[in-house]
Amino acid sequence: AMTPKAVTLLKNRASLYLELDSLSRAYMDYEKVILLDGEDIEARYYHGLIALRKAQIDVAKADVNDLERINKYSPYTIEAQGVLQKTLGNYDEAIERFTSLIKMQSKPAYQTLVNRAECYLEVKRLSDAENDIKKALLMEPAEPYLYVLRARLNKLRFNERDKERDLQLAEKYGISRKMALIFIK
């Protein structure tokens, strides 16, 4: 309240809101940052991702366009482009963006691998999806969603036994069977 125009404080609070799963509050703080500093790439990136989660596609597209204008080579920009394309169902374009981002990183980010694996599954590039899922599992072996993704992969391969094993692992690590079955459809 004492420093309503402190961009750093607003970004820090928005980041905490994201950790607490308070997307609406984080969104408002990122919106304030953008009003104060329209060139802030990080704020635009998170604002756009939250807009996608809120099904505000036009807002997300505008944020991605602004990111491209500010710095089209920024990892934030490339990832935002990939997530937007994935959301729009343009999986091949999303794969290109995520692959570009992975090439930029010394060690691929977990979420980038997951995003690309989801796209690979959509376009039936099953071996590529399997490779990304394996790499992500090495990073986060107790992440239940990865077992859901692998169950989906095994479903596409008509491997019912391994699909069932992965569903059980997803349950073991915290996703209900009902939710897992929704995800693999």
N, C-alpha and C. Protein backbone atom coordinates (compact mmCIF):
# COMPACT_ATOMS: atom_id res chain seq x y z
N ALA A 1 0.83 -1.20 0.00
CA ALA A 1 0.00 0.00 0.00
C ALA A 1 0.87 1.26 0.00
N MET A 2 2.04 1.18 0.65
CA MET A 2 2.91 2.35 0.72
C MET A 2 3.61 2.63 -0.60
N THR A 3 3.83 1.59 -1.40
CA THR A 3 4.55 1.77 -2.66
C THR A 3 3.80 1.07 -3.79
N PRO A 4 2.67 1.65 -4.22
CA PRO A 4 1.84 0.98 -5.23
C PRO A 4 2.46 0.92 -6.62
N LYS A 5 3.57 1.67 -6.82
CA LYS A 5 4.20 1.68 -8.13
C LYS A 5 5.55 0.97 -8.12
N ALA A 6 5.80 0.15 -7.14
CA ALA A 6 7.06 -0.58 -7.04
C ALA A 6 6.94 -1.87 -7.84
N VAL A 7 7.48 -1.84 -9.04
CA VAL A 7 7.37 -2.97 -9.96
C VAL A 7 7.94 -4.24 -9.36
N THR A 8 9.10 -4.16 -8.74
CA THR A 8 9.73 -5.35 -8.16
C THR A 8 8.85 -5.97 -7.08
N LEU A 9 8.27 -5.14 -6.23
CA LEU A 9 7.40 -5.66 -5.19
C LEU A 9 6.14 -6.30 -5.77
N LEU A 10 5.58 -5.67 -6.78
CA LEU A 10 4.39 -6.24 -7.44
C LEU A 10 4.72 -7.59 -8.08
N LYS A 11 5.87 -7.68 -8.74
CA LYS A 11 6.25 -8.95 -9.37
C LYS A 11 6.51 -10.03 -8.32
N ASN A 12 7.15 -9.64 -7.23
CA ASN A 12 7.41 -10.62 -6.16
C ASN A 12 6.09 -11.12 -5.56
N ARG A 13 5.17 -10.21 -5.33
CA ARG A 13 3.88 -10.63 -4.78
C ARG A 13 3.12 -11.50 -5.78
N ALA A 14 3.15 -11.13 -7.05
CA ALA A 14 2.49 -11.93 -8.08
C ALA A 14 3.07 -13.34 -8.12
N SER A 15 4.37 -13.44 -7.99
CA SER A 15 5.03 -14.75 -7.98
C SER A 15 4.55 -15.60 -6.79
N LEU A 16 4.42 -14.96 -5.64
CA LEU A 16 3.90 -15.66 -4.46
C LEU A 16 2.45 -16.09 -4.67
N TYR A 17 1.66 -15.22 -5.28
CA TYR A 17 0.28 -15.59 -5.58
C TYR A 17 0.22 -16.82 -6.50
N LEU A 18 1.14 -16.88 -7.46
CA LEU A 18 1.17 -18.05 -8.34
C LEU A 18 1.46 -19.32 -7.55
N GLU A 19 2.41 -19.23 -6.63
CA GLU A 19 2.73 -20.40 -5.79
C GLU A 19 1.55 -20.81 -4.93
N LEU A 20 0.73 -19.85 -4.54
CA LEU A 20 -0.44 -20.13 -3.71
C LEU A 20 -1.67 -20.49 -4.55
N ASP A 21 -1.49 -20.54 -5.86
CA ASP A 21 -2.58 -20.85 -6.78
C ASP A 21 -3.69 -19.80 -6.76
N SER A 22 -3.30 -18.56 -6.52
CA SER A 22 -4.25 -17.45 -6.56
C SER A 22 -4.04 -16.70 -7.88
N LEU A 23 -4.52 -17.32 -8.96
CA LEU A 23 -4.25 -16.78 -10.29
C LEU A 23 -4.85 -15.40 -10.51
N SER A 24 -6.03 -15.16 -9.99
CA SER A 24 -6.67 -13.86 -10.20
C SER A 24 -5.86 -12.73 -9.57
N ARG A 25 -5.34 -12.96 -8.39
CA ARG A 25 -4.53 -11.92 -7.74
C ARG A 25 -3.21 -11.73 -8.46
N ALA A 26 -2.58 -12.83 -8.88
CA ALA A 26 -1.33 -12.72 -9.63
C ALA A 26 -1.57 -11.96 -10.93
N TYR A 27 -2.66 -12.28 -11.59
CA TYR A 27 -3.02 -11.63 -12.85
C TYR A 27 -3.16 -10.12 -12.66
N MET A 28 -3.82 -9.72 -11.59
CA MET A 28 -4.01 -8.28 -11.32
C MET A 28 -2.67 -7.59 -11.08
N ASP A 29 -1.77 -8.26 -10.34
CA ASP A 29 -0.46 -7.65 -10.09
C ASP A 29 0.36 -7.55 -11.37
N TYR A 30 0.31 -8.59 -12.20
CA TYR A 30 1.04 -8.50 -13.47
C TYR A 30 0.45 -7.43 -14.37
N GLU A 31 -0.84 -7.26 -14.30
CA GLU A 31 -1.50 -6.20 -15.07
C GLU A 31 -1.00 -4.82 -14.61
N LYS A 32 -0.85 -4.65 -13.30
CA LYS A 32 -0.33 -3.38 -12.77
C LYS A 32 1.10 -3.15 -13.23
N VAL A 33 1.91 -4.21 -13.23
CA VAL A 33 3.30 -4.08 -13.67
C VAL A 33 3.34 -3.65 -15.14
N ILE A 34 2.50 -4.26 -15.95
CA ILE A 34 2.46 -3.93 -17.38
C ILE A 34 2.06 -2.47 -17.58
N LEU A 35 1.13 -1.98 -16.77
CA LEU A 35 0.74 -0.57 -16.86
C LEU A 35 1.90 0.35 -16.49
N LEU A 36 2.70 -0.08 -15.52
CA LEU A 36 3.83 0.74 -15.08
C LEU A 36 5.04 0.61 -16.00
N ASP A 37 5.23 -0.59 -16.53
CA ASP A 37 6.38 -0.85 -17.41
C ASP A 37 5.94 -1.81 -18.51
N GLY A 38 5.50 -1.25 -19.62
CA GLY A 38 4.98 -2.04 -20.73
C GLY A 38 6.00 -2.93 -21.39
N GLU A 39 7.28 -2.75 -21.07
CA GLU A 39 8.34 -3.54 -21.68
C GLU A 39 8.80 -4.69 -20.79
N ASP A 40 8.15 -4.92 -19.68
CA ASP A 40 8.55 -5.98 -18.76
C ASP A 40 8.15 -7.34 -19.34
N ILE A 41 9.14 -8.08 -19.81
CA ILE A 41 8.90 -9.36 -20.49
C ILE A 41 8.31 -10.39 -19.55
N GLU A 42 8.87 -10.49 -18.35
CA GLU A 42 8.40 -11.50 -17.40
C GLU A 42 6.93 -11.29 -17.04
N ALA A 43 6.56 -10.05 -16.79
CA ALA A 43 5.17 -9.75 -16.43
C ALA A 43 4.23 -10.08 -17.59
N ARG A 44 4.63 -9.72 -18.81
CA ARG A 44 3.80 -10.04 -20.00
C ARG A 44 3.65 -11.55 -20.16
N TYR A 45 4.75 -12.26 -19.96
CA TYR A 45 4.74 -13.72 -20.10
C TYR A 45 3.72 -14.34 -19.14
N TYR A 46 3.84 -14.03 -17.86
CA TYR A 46 2.93 -14.62 -16.88
C TYR A 46 1.49 -14.13 -17.07
N HIS A 47 1.34 -12.88 -17.41
CA HIS A 47 0.00 -12.33 -17.68
C HIS A 47 -0.65 -13.12 -18.81
N GLY A 48 0.11 -13.39 -19.87
CA GLY A 48 -0.41 -14.14 -21.01
C GLY A 48 -0.75 -15.58 -20.65
N LEU A 49 0.11 -16.23 -19.86
CA LEU A 49 -0.17 -17.62 -19.47
C LEU A 49 -1.41 -17.71 -18.59
N ILE A 50 -1.55 -16.77 -17.68
CA ILE A 50 -2.75 -16.77 -16.83
C ILE A 50 -3.99 -16.50 -17.68
N ALA A 51 -3.86 -15.60 -18.65
CA ALA A 51 -4.99 -15.32 -19.55
C ALA A 51 -5.41 -16.60 -20.28
N LEU A 52 -4.44 -17.39 -20.70
CA LEU A 52 -4.77 -18.67 -21.35
C LEU A 52 -5.52 -19.59 -20.39
N ARG A 53 -5.06 -19.66 -19.16
CA ARG A 53 -5.74 -20.50 -18.16
C ARG A 53 -7.16 -20.03 -17.91
N LYS A 54 -7.38 -18.72 -18.06
CA LYS A 54 -8.70 -18.14 -17.85
C LYS A 54 -9.53 -18.12 -19.15
N ALA A 55 -9.00 -18.76 -20.20
CA ALA A 55 -9.65 -18.83 -21.51
C ALA A 55 -9.85 -17.45 -22.15
N GLN A 56 -8.93 -16.54 -21.85
CA GLN A 56 -8.94 -15.21 -22.47
C GLN A 56 -7.92 -15.21 -23.62
N ILE A 57 -8.30 -15.89 -24.69
CA ILE A 57 -7.38 -16.12 -25.80
C ILE A 57 -6.91 -14.80 -26.43
N ASP A 58 -7.81 -13.85 -26.62
CA ASP A 58 -7.43 -12.58 -27.24
C ASP A 58 -6.40 -11.83 -26.40
N VAL A 59 -6.56 -11.87 -25.09
CA VAL A 59 -5.59 -11.21 -24.19
C VAL A 59 -4.24 -11.91 -24.31
N ALA A 60 -4.25 -13.24 -24.31
CA ALA A 60 -3.00 -14.00 -24.43
C ALA A 60 -2.31 -13.71 -25.76
N LYS A 61 -3.09 -13.66 -26.85
CA LYS A 61 -2.51 -13.34 -28.16
C LYS A 61 -1.87 -11.96 -28.14
N ALA A 62 -2.53 -10.99 -27.52
CA ALA A 62 -1.98 -9.63 -27.44
C ALA A 62 -0.68 -9.63 -26.65
N ASP A 63 -0.65 -10.39 -25.55
CA ASP A 63 0.59 -10.47 -24.76
C ASP A 63 1.71 -11.11 -25.55
N VAL A 64 1.41 -12.17 -26.30
CA VAL A 64 2.45 -12.81 -27.11
C VAL A 64 2.93 -11.85 -28.20
N ASN A 65 2.02 -11.12 -28.81
CA ASN A 65 2.43 -10.12 -29.82
C ASN A 65 3.34 -9.07 -29.20
N ASP A 66 3.02 -8.63 -27.99
CA ASP A 66 3.87 -7.65 -27.31
C ASP A 66 5.23 -8.25 -26.98
N LEU A 67 5.24 -9.52 -26.55
CA LEU A 67 6.52 -10.18 -26.27
C LEU A 67 7.38 -10.24 -27.52
N GLU A 68 6.75 -10.57 -28.66
CA GLU A 68 7.50 -10.64 -29.92
C GLU A 68 8.07 -9.27 -30.29
N ARG A 69 7.29 -8.22 -30.04
CA ARG A 69 7.75 -6.86 -30.33
C ARG A 69 8.92 -6.47 -29.42
N ILE A 70 8.83 -6.83 -28.15
CA ILE A 70 9.85 -6.44 -27.17
C ILE A 70 11.15 -7.21 -27.42
N ASN A 71 11.05 -8.54 -27.55
CA ASN A 71 12.25 -9.36 -27.79
C ASN A 71 11.82 -10.73 -28.28
N LYS A 72 11.85 -10.90 -29.59
CA LYS A 72 11.37 -12.16 -30.17
C LYS A 72 12.28 -13.34 -29.87
N TYR A 73 13.50 -13.10 -29.38
CA TYR A 73 14.43 -14.18 -29.08
C TYR A 73 14.46 -14.56 -27.60
N SER A 74 13.68 -13.89 -26.80
CA SER A 74 13.65 -14.18 -25.37
C SER A 74 13.04 -15.56 -25.12
N PRO A 75 13.60 -16.33 -24.18
CA PRO A 75 12.99 -17.62 -23.83
C PRO A 75 11.54 -17.47 -23.38
N TYR A 76 11.22 -16.38 -22.71
CA TYR A 76 9.83 -16.12 -22.31
C TYR A 76 8.93 -16.03 -23.54
N THR A 77 9.40 -15.32 -24.55
CA THR A 77 8.62 -15.15 -25.77
C THR A 77 8.42 -16.48 -26.47
N ILE A 78 9.48 -17.23 -26.62
CA ILE A 78 9.41 -18.50 -27.35
C ILE A 78 8.50 -19.49 -26.62
N GLU A 79 8.62 -19.55 -25.29
CA GLU A 79 7.75 -20.45 -24.55
C GLU A 79 6.29 -20.01 -24.63
N ALA A 80 6.06 -18.72 -24.51
CA ALA A 80 4.68 -18.21 -24.61
C ALA A 80 4.09 -18.52 -25.99
N GLN A 81 4.89 -18.38 -27.03
CA GLN A 81 4.42 -18.73 -28.38
C GLN A 81 4.03 -20.21 -28.43
N GLY A 82 4.88 -21.06 -27.86
CA GLY A 82 4.60 -22.49 -27.86
C GLY A 82 3.33 -22.85 -27.11
N VAL A 83 3.17 -22.28 -25.93
CA VAL A 83 1.98 -22.57 -25.13
C VAL A 83 0.72 -22.07 -25.84
N LEU A 84 0.80 -20.89 -26.44
CA LEU A 84 -0.35 -20.36 -27.18
C LEU A 84 -0.69 -21.28 -28.35
N GLN A 85 0.30 -21.68 -29.13
CA GLN A 85 0.04 -22.56 -30.28
C GLN A 85 -0.53 -23.90 -29.83
N LYS A 86 -0.01 -24.42 -28.73
CA LYS A 86 -0.54 -25.69 -28.19
C LYS A 86 -2.01 -25.52 -27.81
N THR A 87 -2.33 -24.43 -27.15
CA THR A 87 -3.70 -24.16 -26.73
C THR A 87 -4.63 -24.03 -27.93
N LEU A 88 -4.13 -23.44 -29.00
CA LEU A 88 -4.93 -23.24 -30.21
C LEU A 88 -5.02 -24.52 -31.05
N GLY A 89 -4.30 -25.56 -30.65
CA GLY A 89 -4.34 -26.82 -31.40
C GLY A 89 -3.37 -26.87 -32.56
N ASN A 90 -2.45 -25.93 -32.63
CA ASN A 90 -1.42 -25.91 -33.67
C ASN A 90 -0.18 -26.63 -33.14
N TYR A 91 -0.29 -27.94 -33.04
CA TYR A 91 0.72 -28.73 -32.33
C TYR A 91 2.07 -28.73 -33.02
N ASP A 92 2.10 -28.79 -34.34
CA ASP A 92 3.39 -28.79 -35.04
C ASP A 92 4.13 -27.47 -34.81
N GLU A 93 3.42 -26.36 -34.84
CA GLU A 93 4.04 -25.06 -34.55
C GLU A 93 4.53 -25.00 -33.11
N ALA A 94 3.72 -25.53 -32.20
CA ALA A 94 4.12 -25.55 -30.79
C ALA A 94 5.38 -26.38 -30.60
N ILE A 95 5.44 -27.53 -31.26
CA ILE A 95 6.63 -28.39 -31.15
C ILE A 95 7.86 -27.63 -31.62
N GLU A 96 7.73 -26.89 -32.71
CA GLU A 96 8.87 -26.09 -33.20
C GLU A 96 9.35 -25.11 -32.14
N ARG A 97 8.40 -24.42 -31.49
CA ARG A 97 8.78 -23.43 -30.47
C ARG A 97 9.44 -24.11 -29.28
N PHE A 98 8.84 -25.21 -28.80
CA PHE A 98 9.42 -25.89 -27.64
C PHE A 98 10.79 -26.47 -27.97
N THR A 99 10.95 -27.00 -29.17
CA THR A 99 12.25 -27.54 -29.58
C THR A 99 13.29 -26.42 -29.64
N SER A 100 12.91 -25.29 -30.17
CA SER A 100 13.80 -24.13 -30.21
C SER A 100 14.22 -23.72 -28.80
N LEU A 101 13.26 -23.70 -27.90
CA LEU A 101 13.55 -23.34 -26.51
C LEU A 101 14.49 -24.35 -25.86
N ILE A 102 14.25 -25.63 -26.09
CA ILE A 102 15.11 -26.67 -25.52
C ILE A 102 16.54 -26.54 -26.03
N LYS A 103 16.70 -26.19 -27.29
CA LYS A 103 18.03 -26.01 -27.86
C LYS A 103 18.76 -24.82 -27.23
N MET A 104 18.01 -23.85 -26.75
CA MET A 104 18.60 -22.67 -26.11
C MET A 104 19.09 -22.97 -24.70
N GLN A 105 18.53 -23.99 -24.08
CA GLN A 105 18.81 -24.28 -22.67
C GLN A 105 19.95 -25.28 -22.54
N SER A 106 20.78 -25.08 -21.54
CA SER A 106 21.84 -26.06 -21.30
C SER A 106 21.24 -27.37 -20.79
N LYS A 107 20.19 -27.25 -20.00
CA LYS A 107 19.45 -28.41 -19.52
C LYS A 107 17.97 -28.10 -19.77
N PRO A 108 17.26 -28.98 -20.51
CA PRO A 108 15.85 -28.68 -20.80
C PRO A 108 15.03 -28.50 -19.53
N ALA A 109 14.15 -27.54 -19.55
CA ALA A 109 13.25 -27.31 -18.41
C ALA A 109 12.18 -28.39 -18.40
N TYR A 110 11.83 -28.82 -17.21
CA TYR A 110 10.82 -29.86 -17.03
C TYR A 110 9.53 -29.53 -17.76
N GLN A 111 8.99 -28.33 -17.55
CA GLN A 111 7.70 -27.97 -18.12
C GLN A 111 7.75 -27.91 -19.64
N THR A 112 8.89 -27.52 -20.20
CA THR A 112 9.02 -27.48 -21.65
C THR A 112 8.95 -28.89 -22.22
N LEU A 113 9.60 -29.84 -21.55
CA LEU A 113 9.54 -31.24 -21.99
C LEU A 113 8.11 -31.77 -21.92
N VAL A 114 7.40 -31.43 -20.86
CA VAL A 114 6.02 -31.89 -20.70
C VAL A 114 5.14 -31.29 -21.80
N ASN A 115 5.29 -30.00 -22.04
CA ASN A 115 4.51 -29.34 -23.10
C ASN A 115 4.77 -29.99 -24.45
N ARG A 116 6.04 -30.25 -24.75
CA ARG A 116 6.36 -30.84 -26.05
C ARG A 116 5.86 -32.27 -26.13
N ALA A 117 5.96 -33.02 -25.04
CA ALA A 117 5.46 -34.40 -25.03
C ALA A 117 3.96 -34.42 -25.29
N GLU A 118 3.22 -33.49 -24.70
CA GLU A 118 1.77 -33.41 -24.95
C GLU A 118 1.49 -33.17 -26.43
N CYS A 119 2.27 -32.30 -27.04
CA CYS A 119 2.08 -32.01 -28.47
C CYS A 119 2.44 -33.22 -29.32
N TYR A 120 3.54 -33.88 -28.97
CA TYR A 120 3.92 -35.09 -29.70
C TYR A 120 2.81 -36.14 -29.64
N LEU A 121 2.18 -36.28 -28.49
CA LEU A 121 1.08 -37.24 -28.38
C LEU A 121 -0.07 -36.86 -29.29
N GLU A 122 -0.35 -35.58 -29.39
CA GLU A 122 -1.45 -35.11 -30.24
C GLU A 122 -1.21 -35.41 -31.72
N VAL A 123 0.05 -35.33 -32.15
CA VAL A 123 0.35 -35.58 -33.57
C VAL A 123 0.86 -37.00 -33.79
N LYS A 124 0.73 -37.84 -32.77
CA LYS A 124 1.06 -39.27 -32.84
C LYS A 124 2.54 -39.54 -33.12
N ARG A 125 3.40 -38.65 -32.64
CA ARG A 125 4.85 -38.90 -32.70
C ARG A 125 5.23 -39.57 -31.38
N LEU A 126 4.90 -40.84 -31.30
CA LEU A 126 4.94 -41.55 -30.02
C LEU A 126 6.35 -41.76 -29.49
N SER A 127 7.31 -42.06 -30.34
CA SER A 127 8.69 -42.24 -29.87
C SER A 127 9.26 -40.94 -29.31
N ASP A 128 8.94 -39.83 -29.99
CA ASP A 128 9.41 -38.53 -29.49
C ASP A 128 8.76 -38.20 -28.15
N ALA A 129 7.47 -38.49 -28.03
CA ALA A 129 6.77 -38.26 -26.76
C ALA A 129 7.40 -39.11 -25.65
N GLU A 130 7.68 -40.35 -25.97
CA GLU A 130 8.29 -41.25 -24.99
C GLU A 130 9.63 -40.70 -24.50
N ASN A 131 10.45 -40.18 -25.41
CA ASN A 131 11.75 -39.63 -25.02
C ASN A 131 11.60 -38.44 -24.08
N ASP A 132 10.67 -37.54 -24.38
CA ASP A 132 10.47 -36.38 -23.50
C ASP A 132 9.92 -36.80 -22.14
N ILE A 133 9.01 -37.76 -22.13
CA ILE A 133 8.46 -38.23 -20.86
C ILE A 133 9.55 -38.87 -20.01
N LYS A 134 10.42 -39.66 -20.63
CA LYS A 134 11.53 -40.29 -19.91
C LYS A 134 12.44 -39.23 -19.27
N LYS A 135 12.79 -38.21 -20.06
CA LYS A 135 13.65 -37.14 -19.53
C LYS A 135 12.97 -36.41 -18.38
N ALA A 136 11.69 -36.14 -18.52
CA ALA A 136 10.96 -35.44 -17.46
C ALA A 136 10.87 -36.31 -16.21
N LEU A 137 10.68 -37.61 -16.39
CA LEU A 137 10.61 -38.51 -15.23
C LEU A 137 11.94 -38.57 -14.47
N LEU A 138 13.04 -38.41 -15.18
CA LEU A 138 14.34 -38.36 -14.50
C LEU A 138 14.43 -37.12 -13.61
N MET A 139 13.78 -36.04 -14.03
CA MET A 139 13.79 -34.79 -13.27
C MET A 139 12.80 -34.82 -12.11
N GLU A 140 11.62 -35.38 -12.35
CA GLU A 140 10.53 -35.37 -11.36
C GLU A 140 9.88 -36.76 -11.28
N PRO A 141 10.56 -37.72 -10.68
CA PRO A 141 10.03 -39.10 -10.68
C PRO A 141 8.73 -39.29 -9.88
N ALA A 142 8.38 -38.35 -9.04
CA ALA A 142 7.15 -38.49 -8.25
C ALA A 142 6.03 -37.60 -8.77
N GLU A 143 6.16 -37.08 -9.98
CA GLU A 143 5.14 -36.21 -10.56
C GLU A 143 4.05 -37.07 -11.20
N PRO A 144 2.86 -37.06 -10.62
CA PRO A 144 1.81 -37.97 -11.10
C PRO A 144 1.37 -37.73 -12.54
N TYR A 145 1.40 -36.48 -12.99
CA TYR A 145 0.94 -36.19 -14.35
C TYR A 145 1.80 -36.89 -15.40
N LEU A 146 3.08 -37.08 -15.10
CA LEU A 146 3.95 -37.77 -16.05
C LEU A 146 3.51 -39.21 -16.28
N TYR A 147 3.00 -39.84 -15.24
CA TYR A 147 2.51 -41.21 -15.38
C TYR A 147 1.20 -41.23 -16.16
N VAL A 148 0.42 -40.16 -16.02
CA VAL A 148 -0.79 -40.04 -16.83
C VAL A 148 -0.40 -39.90 -18.31
N LEU A 149 0.59 -39.06 -18.58
CA LEU A 149 1.05 -38.90 -19.96
C LEU A 149 1.55 -40.23 -20.52
N ARG A 150 2.30 -40.94 -19.71
CA ARG A 150 2.83 -42.23 -20.18
C ARG A 150 1.70 -43.25 -20.36
N ALA A 151 0.68 -43.17 -19.51
CA ALA A 151 -0.49 -44.05 -19.68
C ALA A 151 -1.18 -43.73 -21.01
N ARG A 152 -1.27 -42.45 -21.32
CA ARG A 152 -1.86 -42.05 -22.59
C ARG A 152 -1.04 -42.56 -23.77
N LEU A 153 0.28 -42.47 -23.64
CA LEU A 153 1.18 -43.00 -24.66
C LEU A 153 0.94 -44.50 -24.85
N ASN A 154 0.85 -45.22 -23.74
CA ASN A 154 0.63 -46.67 -23.82
C ASN A 154 -0.75 -47.00 -24.37
N LYS A 155 -1.72 -46.17 -24.09
CA LYS A 155 -3.05 -46.36 -24.67
C LYS A 155 -2.98 -46.24 -26.19
N LEU A 156 -2.25 -45.22 -26.67
CA LEU A 156 -2.10 -45.04 -28.11
C LEU A 156 -1.33 -46.18 -28.77
N ARG A 157 -0.51 -46.85 -27.98
CA ARG A 157 0.25 -48.01 -28.48
C ARG A 157 -0.51 -49.32 -28.25
N PHE A 158 -1.72 -49.21 -27.74
CA PHE A 158 -2.56 -50.39 -27.45
C PHE A 158 -1.88 -51.34 -26.48
N ASN A 159 -1.15 -50.76 -25.53
CA ASN A 159 -0.45 -51.55 -24.51
C ASN A 159 -1.21 -51.38 -23.19
N GLU A 160 -2.24 -52.19 -23.01
CA GLU A 160 -3.14 -52.07 -21.85
C GLU A 160 -2.43 -52.36 -20.53
N ARG A 161 -1.53 -53.32 -20.52
CA ARG A 161 -0.84 -53.68 -19.27
C ARG A 161 -0.01 -52.51 -18.75
N ASP A 162 0.80 -51.89 -19.63
CA ASP A 162 1.62 -50.75 -19.21
C ASP A 162 0.77 -49.52 -18.91
N LYS A 163 -0.32 -49.36 -19.63
CA LYS A 163 -1.25 -48.25 -19.35
C LYS A 163 -1.78 -48.40 -17.93
N GLU A 164 -2.19 -49.59 -17.57
CA GLU A 164 -2.72 -49.84 -16.23
C GLU A 164 -1.65 -49.60 -15.16
N ARG A 165 -0.43 -50.04 -15.42
CA ARG A 165 0.67 -49.81 -14.47
C ARG A 165 0.86 -48.31 -14.24
N ASP A 166 0.85 -47.54 -15.32
CA ASP A 166 1.06 -46.09 -15.19
C ASP A 166 -0.12 -45.41 -14.49
N LEU A 167 -1.32 -45.87 -14.73
CA LEU A 167 -2.47 -45.33 -14.00
C LEU A 167 -2.34 -45.58 -12.50
N GLN A 168 -1.86 -46.76 -12.15
CA GLN A 168 -1.65 -47.07 -10.73
C GLN A 168 -0.57 -46.18 -10.13
N LEU A 169 0.50 -45.94 -10.89
CA LEU A 169 1.55 -45.04 -10.41
C LEU A 169 1.04 -43.61 -10.26
N ALA A 170 0.23 -43.16 -11.20
CA ALA A 170 -0.35 -41.82 -11.10
C ALA A 170 -1.19 -41.71 -9.83
N GLU A 171 -1.97 -42.76 -9.54
CA GLU A 171 -2.77 -42.77 -8.31
C GLU A 171 -1.87 -42.76 -7.08
N LYS A 172 -0.83 -43.56 -7.11
CA LYS A 172 0.11 -43.64 -5.98
C LYS A 172 0.70 -42.27 -5.66
N TYR A 173 0.97 -41.48 -6.71
CA TYR A 173 1.61 -40.18 -6.51
C TYR A 173 0.62 -39.03 -6.39
N GLY A 174 -0.69 -39.32 -6.42
CA GLY A 174 -1.61 -38.26 -6.04
C GLY A 174 -2.72 -37.86 -6.99
N ILE A 175 -2.87 -38.48 -8.14
CA ILE A 175 -3.98 -38.15 -9.02
C ILE A 175 -5.02 -39.26 -8.91
N SER A 176 -6.27 -38.87 -8.73
CA SER A 176 -7.32 -39.88 -8.63
C SER A 176 -7.45 -40.60 -9.98
N ARG A 177 -7.87 -41.83 -9.92
CA ARG A 177 -8.05 -42.62 -11.13
C ARG A 177 -9.05 -41.95 -12.08
N LYS A 178 -10.11 -41.41 -11.51
CA LYS A 178 -11.13 -40.75 -12.33
C LYS A 178 -10.50 -39.58 -13.11
N MET A 179 -9.71 -38.77 -12.44
CA MET A 179 -9.05 -37.62 -13.10
C MET A 179 -8.03 -38.11 -14.14
N ALA A 180 -7.28 -39.14 -13.80
CA ALA A 180 -6.30 -39.67 -14.74
C ALA A 180 -6.97 -40.17 -16.01
N LEU A 181 -8.11 -40.83 -15.86
CA LEU A 181 -8.82 -41.34 -17.04
C LEU A 181 -9.35 -40.21 -17.90
N ILE A 182 -9.73 -39.11 -17.29
CA ILE A 182 -10.15 -37.93 -18.05
C ILE A 182 -8.99 -37.38 -18.86
N PHE A 183 -7.81 -37.33 -18.24
CA PHE A 183 -6.63 -36.78 -18.91
C PHE A 183 -6.18 -37.63 -20.09
N ILE A 184 -6.34 -38.95 -20.01
CA ILE A 184 -5.82 -39.77 -21.09
C ILE A 184 -6.77 -39.90 -22.28
N LYS A 185 -7.97 -39.36 -22.16
CA LYS A 185 -8.90 -39.42 -23.30
C LYS A 185 -8.54 -38.45 -24.37
